[in-house]
Amino acid sequence: MTIQRAGDFFDNFVIFAKSCQVLWEIALAVSGLGPKAAFSYLRGRSPRNSPTAAMTYAQIIAELDKKIYQPIYFLMGEEPYYIDKIADHVAQNVLSPADQSFNQTVVYGKDLATDVIVTTCKRFPMMASHQVVIVKEAQDLRDIDKLSFYVEKPLASTVLVVCYKYKSLDKRTRLYKLLQKSGILFESKKLYENQVPKWIEGYLAEKGLQADMKSMVMLTEFLGNDLAKIANELDKLAITMPPGQTLISPELIERNIGISKDFNTFELNSALANHDLLKANRIAKYFGDNEREHPLPLTIATLFGFFSKVLVFHYLPNNREDKAVASALRVSPFFVKEYRVAARNYPKAKAVEVISILREYDLKSKGLGNTSATTADLLREMVFKIMH
């Protein structure tokens, strides 16, 4: 009888072992990422959806909308726009207005020690499924490394959002390594200026609007790559648009934001690139008459960026393909034609000379080597030298 039972046990064990092998092979195939990922899959968590995996802004928002909450959202990076958007989304949507009174805490890094934040996070929610703790300006915390004691064993009922703006954690620290395992580690990177028009296009598309390339470049030239400012101005434009109109035009921008569609640094670059002396002088006069809106050092910096790229264009091994040129110069393909024209009108030696002229007038605009010339005089003189 004992032998019979032993045999049955052995047969059952073999069946179990074969089942485990089949399961393991399925997990390997489904995960597609090797043994470690397969083990995560068998534990019931897809490695691609794991909180340790890098997630985009859109993925984080989508997960929050599905009421899938992670214990920690550590939001860091030079671009504060997405950090604020995620923090605001958590603040407004995780808890109901009634639950927020007792279970939502917002603190600022410069006002508290990390120990106090850890103690707050270890509290249990009052008559709610979660409590939310949002730490703003966390880059001002002097002892942020102490947060690792909480990150090591976070409370499942607490949703901690840390807004660590304008910089990123050192990847060698214990805190960074623990965050990779225990929560969402999101890095919000600054966009290059050549990426801003595409971002504007996407932002407007979400609102059912669109803009032509000139309009997007005007906004980029005027506002730079500050996404919060750009979003704010776009929202204003959306409100002022006539019913039924979906296209944001240069005229609409000029009327509502105050950027001239004809007299801006984008148009000055274009005039110089095309050797349009009359247009360049008109813009120079306008800038000189409106020095406050168009300070000379800023104009020179913009021109320096343009002519530096013209010089780079001359030395590109493959400057015939628009896509390769746009990638190398970090500009939109829309502008490649203009750089080709500028390269024809400003050979290598002349491009180097222009950069030298810009350096000279940058110093003069700051009082070095200039005793009596006004800003308007300097600008007109500089444009003349560039084009002759």
Protein backbone atom coordinates (compact mmCIF):
# COMPACT_ATOMS: atom_id res chain seq x y z
CA MET A 1 0.00 0.00 0.00
CA THR A 2 2.83 2.33 0.94
CA ILE A 3 4.62 1.54 -2.34
CA GLN A 4 1.37 2.21 -4.26
CA ARG A 5 0.99 5.62 -2.59
CA ALA A 6 4.63 6.44 -3.25
CA GLY A 7 4.13 5.56 -6.90
CA ASP A 8 1.00 7.73 -7.14
CA PHE A 9 2.86 10.59 -5.48
CA PHE A 10 5.72 10.21 -7.94
CA ASP A 11 3.34 10.16 -10.93
CA ASN A 12 1.58 13.30 -9.64
CA PHE A 13 4.92 15.00 -9.09
CA VAL A 14 5.99 14.23 -12.67
CA ILE A 15 2.71 15.69 -13.99
CA PHE A 16 3.23 18.79 -11.79
CA ALA A 17 6.83 19.17 -12.96
CA LYS A 18 5.81 18.91 -16.61
CA SER A 19 3.07 21.48 -16.02
CA CYS A 20 5.64 23.81 -14.46
CA GLN A 21 7.93 23.37 -17.45
CA VAL A 22 5.11 24.18 -19.88
CA LEU A 23 4.16 27.21 -17.78
CA TRP A 24 7.77 28.37 -17.75
CA GLU A 25 8.04 28.06 -21.52
CA ILE A 26 4.78 30.00 -21.96
CA ALA A 27 6.06 32.70 -19.62
CA LEU A 28 9.31 32.96 -21.58
CA ALA A 29 7.42 33.27 -24.84
CA VAL A 30 4.87 35.81 -23.56
CA SER A 31 7.34 38.00 -21.69
CA GLY A 32 9.86 37.89 -24.52
CA LEU A 33 12.49 39.30 -22.19
CA GLY A 34 14.32 36.31 -20.72
CA PRO A 35 14.16 34.31 -17.44
CA LYS A 36 13.94 37.29 -15.08
CA ALA A 37 11.02 38.77 -16.99
CA ALA A 38 9.35 35.35 -17.21
CA PHE A 39 9.55 35.03 -13.43
CA SER A 40 7.85 38.42 -13.10
CA TYR A 41 5.16 37.24 -15.49
CA LEU A 42 4.53 34.07 -13.43
CA ARG A 43 4.14 36.25 -10.36
CA GLY A 44 1.25 37.93 -12.14
CA ARG A 45 2.95 41.16 -13.16
CA SER A 46 3.93 41.92 -16.71
CA PRO A 47 7.47 43.37 -16.80
CA ARG A 48 6.42 45.96 -19.32
CA ASN A 49 3.73 47.25 -16.99
CA SER A 50 5.85 46.97 -13.88
CA PRO A 51 6.33 50.15 -11.85
CA THR A 52 10.07 49.66 -12.26
CA ALA A 53 9.80 50.12 -16.02
CA ALA A 54 10.28 53.62 -17.45
CA MET A 55 6.90 55.19 -18.17
CA THR A 56 5.97 58.18 -20.28
CA TYR A 57 3.73 61.02 -19.16
CA ALA A 58 0.83 59.65 -21.23
CA GLN A 59 1.24 56.15 -19.72
CA ILE A 60 1.26 57.50 -16.17
CA ILE A 61 -1.91 59.56 -16.77
CA ALA A 62 -3.63 56.60 -18.46
CA GLU A 63 -2.81 54.34 -15.51
CA LEU A 64 -4.06 56.93 -13.01
CA ASP A 65 -7.30 57.27 -14.98
CA LYS A 66 -7.78 53.52 -14.62
CA LYS A 67 -7.34 53.96 -10.85
CA ILE A 68 -4.10 51.97 -10.87
CA TYR A 69 -2.00 53.71 -8.26
CA GLN A 70 1.67 53.14 -7.46
CA PRO A 71 2.97 53.83 -3.94
CA ILE A 72 5.58 56.36 -5.12
CA TYR A 73 5.81 58.79 -8.04
CA PHE A 74 9.23 60.40 -8.06
CA LEU A 75 9.06 63.13 -10.70
CA MET A 76 12.36 64.78 -11.61
CA GLY A 77 14.03 66.69 -14.41
CA GLU A 78 14.70 70.10 -15.93
CA GLU A 79 11.23 70.52 -17.48
CA PRO A 80 8.70 71.35 -14.72
CA TYR A 81 5.65 71.26 -17.01
CA TYR A 82 5.06 67.49 -16.90
CA ILE A 83 5.98 67.28 -13.22
CA ASP A 84 3.27 69.81 -12.36
CA LYS A 85 0.74 68.14 -14.67
CA ILE A 86 1.17 64.71 -13.06
CA ALA A 87 1.12 66.12 -9.52
CA ASP A 88 -2.04 68.13 -10.28
CA HIS A 89 -3.71 65.09 -11.84
CA VAL A 90 -3.04 63.02 -8.73
CA ALA A 91 -4.23 65.85 -6.46
CA GLN A 92 -7.49 66.27 -8.36
CA ASN A 93 -8.42 62.69 -9.21
CA VAL A 94 -7.13 60.07 -6.77
CA LEU A 95 -9.40 61.12 -3.88
CA SER A 96 -12.90 62.53 -3.89
CA PRO A 97 -13.30 66.13 -2.63
CA ALA A 98 -14.74 64.79 0.64
CA ASP A 99 -11.78 62.44 1.22
CA GLN A 100 -9.22 65.10 0.36
CA SER A 101 -9.95 67.04 3.55
CA PHE A 102 -8.51 64.31 5.79
CA ASN A 103 -6.33 62.25 3.47
CA GLN A 104 -4.47 64.66 1.18
CA THR A 105 -1.37 66.48 2.36
CA VAL A 106 0.69 68.98 0.34
CA VAL A 107 4.07 70.02 1.75
CA TYR A 108 7.07 71.97 0.48
CA GLY A 109 10.65 70.74 0.60
CA LYS A 110 12.13 73.92 2.03
CA ASP A 111 9.69 73.89 4.98
CA LEU A 112 10.10 70.32 6.29
CA ALA A 113 12.71 67.70 7.06
CA THR A 114 12.49 64.36 5.26
CA ASP A 115 11.76 62.60 8.58
CA VAL A 116 8.45 64.47 8.85
CA ILE A 117 7.49 63.45 5.31
CA VAL A 118 8.29 59.80 6.08
CA THR A 119 6.15 59.93 9.23
CA THR A 120 3.27 61.44 7.24
CA CYS A 121 3.55 58.72 4.60
CA LYS A 122 3.36 55.97 7.23
CA ARG A 123 -0.07 57.09 8.43
CA PHE A 124 -3.09 55.07 7.40
CA PRO A 125 -5.94 56.77 5.50
CA MET A 126 -9.03 57.87 7.42
CA MET A 127 -12.20 56.25 6.03
CA ALA A 128 -10.70 56.06 2.52
CA SER A 129 -8.77 53.56 0.44
CA HIS A 130 -5.71 55.83 0.05
CA GLN A 131 -4.01 58.89 1.40
CA VAL A 132 -2.12 61.23 -0.95
CA VAL A 133 1.10 63.01 0.05
CA ILE A 134 2.51 65.54 -2.43
CA VAL A 135 5.97 66.98 -1.81
CA LYS A 136 6.50 70.11 -3.91
CA GLU A 137 9.90 71.73 -4.48
CA ALA A 138 11.54 68.53 -3.21
CA GLN A 139 14.86 69.68 -4.68
CA ASP A 140 15.09 71.98 -1.63
CA LEU A 141 15.13 69.03 0.79
CA ARG A 142 18.56 68.92 2.38
CA ASP A 143 18.34 65.30 3.53
CA ILE A 144 16.40 63.68 0.71
CA ASP A 145 18.54 60.53 0.94
CA LYS A 146 16.66 59.69 4.15
CA LEU A 147 13.62 59.06 1.99
CA SER A 148 15.23 55.73 1.06
CA PHE A 149 14.13 54.30 4.44
CA TYR A 150 10.50 54.75 3.38
CA VAL A 151 11.05 53.81 -0.28
CA GLU A 152 12.48 50.48 0.85
CA LYS A 153 9.10 49.52 2.40
CA PRO A 154 6.40 51.91 1.19
CA LEU A 155 2.85 51.75 2.49
CA ALA A 156 0.44 50.41 -0.14
CA SER A 157 -2.35 52.74 1.01
CA THR A 158 -0.19 55.88 0.54
CA VAL A 159 0.32 57.58 -2.82
CA LEU A 160 3.48 59.66 -2.46
CA VAL A 161 4.27 62.20 -5.20
CA VAL A 162 7.71 63.84 -5.04
CA CYS A 163 8.25 66.87 -7.32
CA TYR A 164 12.02 67.16 -7.75
CA LYS A 165 12.34 69.99 -10.29
CA TYR A 166 15.13 71.43 -12.44
CA LYS A 167 17.55 68.56 -11.85
CA SER A 168 17.75 64.79 -11.54
CA LEU A 169 18.84 62.38 -8.85
CA ASP A 170 22.33 60.94 -8.98
CA LYS A 171 21.87 57.46 -10.45
CA ARG A 172 24.59 56.07 -8.18
CA THR A 173 22.68 56.81 -4.97
CA ARG A 174 20.83 54.20 -2.94
CA LEU A 175 17.63 56.24 -3.21
CA TYR A 176 17.68 56.15 -7.02
CA LYS A 177 18.23 52.38 -7.09
CA LEU A 178 15.43 51.75 -4.60
CA LEU A 179 13.03 53.99 -6.55
CA GLN A 180 13.64 51.87 -9.65
CA LYS A 181 12.25 48.90 -7.72
CA SER A 182 9.49 50.45 -5.64
CA GLY A 183 7.69 53.06 -7.73
CA ILE A 184 7.49 55.29 -10.78
CA LEU A 185 10.71 57.15 -11.53
CA PHE A 186 9.84 59.74 -14.17
CA GLU A 187 12.37 62.11 -15.76
CA SER A 188 10.98 65.21 -17.46
CA LYS A 189 13.57 66.42 -19.95
CA LYS A 190 13.74 69.86 -21.57
CA LEU A 191 12.85 69.88 -25.23
CA TYR A 192 15.30 71.26 -27.75
CA GLU A 193 13.88 74.30 -29.53
CA ASN A 194 13.66 72.36 -32.79
CA GLN A 195 11.31 69.90 -31.00
CA VAL A 196 8.95 72.61 -29.73
CA PRO A 197 6.94 73.12 -32.98
CA LYS A 198 6.03 69.42 -33.01
CA TRP A 199 5.02 69.64 -29.34
CA ILE A 200 2.82 72.66 -30.14
CA GLU A 201 1.26 70.68 -32.99
CA GLY A 202 0.42 67.80 -30.63
CA TYR A 203 -0.92 70.11 -27.91
CA LEU A 204 -3.22 71.85 -30.39
CA ALA A 205 -4.36 68.55 -31.91
CA GLU A 206 -5.68 67.48 -28.48
CA LYS A 207 -7.89 70.58 -28.57
CA GLY A 208 -9.00 70.05 -32.16
CA LEU A 209 -6.85 72.96 -33.40
CA GLN A 210 -3.88 73.38 -35.70
CA ALA A 211 -1.26 75.98 -36.65
CA ASP A 212 0.96 76.56 -39.66
CA MET A 213 4.72 76.22 -39.33
CA LYS A 214 5.35 79.99 -39.31
CA SER A 215 2.97 80.42 -36.37
CA MET A 216 4.65 77.63 -34.42
CA VAL A 217 8.10 79.09 -35.12
CA MET A 218 6.95 82.56 -34.04
CA LEU A 219 5.77 81.14 -30.71
CA THR A 220 9.02 79.20 -30.27
CA GLU A 221 11.14 82.26 -31.07
CA PHE A 222 9.18 84.42 -28.63
CA LEU A 223 8.64 81.92 -25.77
CA GLY A 224 11.60 79.55 -26.17
CA ASN A 225 11.15 75.99 -24.87
CA ASP A 226 9.21 76.91 -21.71
CA LEU A 227 6.27 74.52 -22.16
CA ALA A 228 4.19 76.04 -19.36
CA LYS A 229 4.35 79.49 -20.98
CA ILE A 230 3.61 78.08 -24.43
CA ALA A 231 0.61 76.08 -23.13
CA ASN A 232 -0.70 79.20 -21.38
CA GLU A 233 -0.47 81.31 -24.55
CA LEU A 234 -2.04 78.58 -26.66
CA ASP A 235 -4.94 78.34 -24.22
CA LYS A 236 -5.44 82.11 -24.53
CA LEU A 237 -5.43 81.86 -28.33
CA ALA A 238 -7.96 79.01 -28.21
CA ILE A 239 -10.34 81.20 -26.18
CA THR A 240 -10.04 84.19 -28.51
CA MET A 241 -10.52 82.25 -31.76
CA PRO A 242 -13.70 83.01 -33.71
CA PRO A 243 -16.36 80.24 -33.71
CA GLY A 244 -15.70 77.62 -36.35
CA GLN A 245 -12.04 78.61 -36.86
CA THR A 246 -9.49 75.90 -36.07
CA LEU A 247 -6.30 77.34 -37.61
CA ILE A 248 -4.00 79.54 -35.53
CA SER A 249 -2.46 82.05 -37.92
CA PRO A 250 0.42 84.55 -37.58
CA GLU A 251 -2.17 87.35 -37.70
CA LEU A 252 -4.04 85.85 -34.71
CA ILE A 253 -0.78 85.58 -32.75
CA GLU A 254 0.18 89.16 -33.61
CA ARG A 255 -3.23 90.44 -32.53
CA ASN A 256 -3.48 88.54 -29.24
CA ILE A 257 0.07 87.91 -28.02
CA GLY A 258 1.87 90.93 -29.42
CA ILE A 259 4.44 89.14 -31.57
CA SER A 260 4.83 90.92 -34.90
CA LYS A 261 4.42 88.52 -37.82
CA ASP A 262 6.71 90.66 -40.00
CA PHE A 263 9.25 92.01 -37.52
CA ASN A 264 10.76 89.20 -35.44
CA THR A 265 14.04 87.32 -35.23
CA PHE A 266 12.68 84.53 -37.44
CA GLU A 267 12.05 87.05 -40.23
CA LEU A 268 15.45 88.71 -39.64
CA ASN A 269 17.20 85.34 -40.03
CA SER A 270 15.24 84.76 -43.23
CA ALA A 271 16.09 88.22 -44.62
CA LEU A 272 19.81 87.78 -43.93
CA ALA A 273 19.82 84.23 -45.31
CA ASN A 274 18.22 85.41 -48.55
CA HIS A 275 20.37 88.54 -48.73
CA ASP A 276 17.25 90.70 -48.72
CA LEU A 277 18.88 94.00 -47.78
CA LEU A 278 15.68 96.08 -47.78
CA LYS A 279 13.76 93.70 -45.51
CA ALA A 280 16.73 93.24 -43.15
CA ASN A 281 17.09 97.02 -42.75
CA ARG A 282 13.37 97.44 -42.11
CA ILE A 283 13.49 94.82 -39.36
CA ALA A 284 16.67 96.37 -37.92
CA LYS A 285 14.95 99.76 -37.77
CA TYR A 286 11.89 98.24 -36.08
CA PHE A 287 14.10 96.47 -33.51
CA GLY A 288 16.00 99.70 -32.89
CA ASP A 289 12.75 101.63 -32.33
CA ASN A 290 11.45 98.90 -30.02
CA GLU A 291 14.57 98.12 -28.05
CA ARG A 292 12.67 97.00 -24.96
CA GLU A 293 10.89 94.17 -26.82
CA HIS A 294 13.98 93.32 -28.91
CA PRO A 295 17.15 93.81 -26.83
CA LEU A 296 20.28 93.73 -28.97
CA PRO A 297 22.13 91.01 -26.95
CA LEU A 298 19.16 88.66 -27.47
CA THR A 299 19.02 89.42 -31.21
CA ILE A 300 22.76 88.78 -31.49
CA ALA A 301 22.42 85.47 -29.62
CA THR A 302 19.70 84.36 -32.06
CA LEU A 303 21.79 85.35 -35.08
CA PHE A 304 24.81 83.58 -33.61
CA GLY A 305 22.77 80.38 -33.30
CA PHE A 306 21.63 80.69 -36.92
CA PHE A 307 25.04 81.39 -38.46
CA SER A 308 26.71 78.73 -36.30
CA LYS A 309 24.38 76.22 -37.92
CA VAL A 310 25.18 77.65 -41.36
CA LEU A 311 28.86 76.99 -40.66
CA VAL A 312 28.08 73.46 -39.43
CA PHE A 313 26.08 72.90 -42.65
CA HIS A 314 29.20 73.60 -44.72
CA TYR A 315 31.09 70.80 -42.95
CA LEU A 316 28.37 68.16 -42.98
CA PRO A 317 29.53 65.02 -44.84
CA ASN A 318 26.01 64.56 -46.21
CA ASN A 319 24.23 67.88 -46.68
CA ARG A 320 22.11 66.84 -49.65
CA GLU A 321 19.47 64.88 -47.74
CA ASP A 322 17.03 67.10 -45.86
CA LYS A 323 16.42 64.55 -43.12
CA ALA A 324 20.14 64.13 -42.37
CA VAL A 325 20.67 67.91 -42.35
CA ALA A 326 17.68 68.51 -40.05
CA SER A 327 18.96 65.87 -37.64
CA ALA A 328 22.53 67.21 -37.63
CA LEU A 329 21.47 70.85 -37.17
CA ARG A 330 18.65 69.95 -34.75
CA VAL A 331 16.11 71.95 -36.69
CA SER A 332 12.77 71.16 -38.28
CA PRO A 333 13.01 69.87 -41.89
CA PHE A 334 10.91 72.94 -42.74
CA PHE A 335 14.03 75.13 -42.27
CA VAL A 336 16.55 73.07 -44.23
CA LYS A 337 15.82 74.97 -47.44
CA GLU A 338 16.62 78.26 -45.70
CA TYR A 339 19.97 76.91 -44.45
CA ARG A 340 20.82 75.78 -47.98
CA VAL A 341 20.14 79.29 -49.29
CA ALA A 342 22.17 80.82 -46.44
CA ALA A 343 25.07 78.45 -47.14
CA ARG A 344 25.11 79.58 -50.79
CA ASN A 345 25.05 83.27 -49.82
CA TYR A 346 27.57 82.86 -46.99
CA PRO A 347 30.50 80.59 -47.92
CA LYS A 348 32.66 79.13 -45.15
CA ALA A 349 34.98 82.14 -44.87
CA LYS A 350 32.08 84.61 -44.83
CA ALA A 351 30.18 82.56 -42.22
CA VAL A 352 33.26 82.67 -39.96
CA GLU A 353 33.51 86.43 -40.55
CA VAL A 354 29.82 86.90 -39.62
CA ILE A 355 30.36 85.06 -36.33
CA SER A 356 33.32 87.36 -35.64
CA ILE A 357 31.13 90.42 -36.42
CA LEU A 358 28.46 89.17 -34.02
CA ARG A 359 31.05 88.74 -31.28
CA GLU A 360 32.34 92.28 -31.89
CA TYR A 361 28.88 93.85 -31.65
CA ASP A 362 27.94 91.76 -28.65
CA LEU A 363 30.84 93.41 -26.80
CA LYS A 364 29.88 96.86 -28.13
CA SER A 365 26.27 96.39 -26.99
CA LYS A 366 27.66 95.87 -23.49
CA GLY A 367 29.77 99.05 -23.60
CA LEU A 368 33.16 97.63 -24.63
CA GLY A 369 34.70 99.63 -27.46
CA ASN A 370 31.59 101.79 -27.85
CA THR A 371 31.45 105.37 -26.60
CA SER A 372 28.54 107.06 -28.36
CA ALA A 373 26.61 104.75 -30.74
CA THR A 374 23.02 103.93 -29.77
CA THR A 375 21.60 100.41 -29.83
CA ALA A 376 19.72 101.22 -33.04
CA ASP A 377 22.93 102.49 -34.68
CA LEU A 378 24.83 99.36 -33.64
CA LEU A 379 22.15 97.07 -35.03
CA ARG A 380 21.98 98.84 -38.41
CA GLU A 381 25.78 98.89 -38.64
CA MET A 382 26.00 95.19 -37.75
CA VAL A 383 23.41 94.19 -40.37
CA PHE A 384 25.28 96.23 -43.01
CA LYS A 385 28.59 94.49 -42.20
CA ILE A 386 26.98 91.03 -42.25
CA MET A 387 25.52 91.59 -45.72
CA HIS A 388 28.54 93.24 -47.33
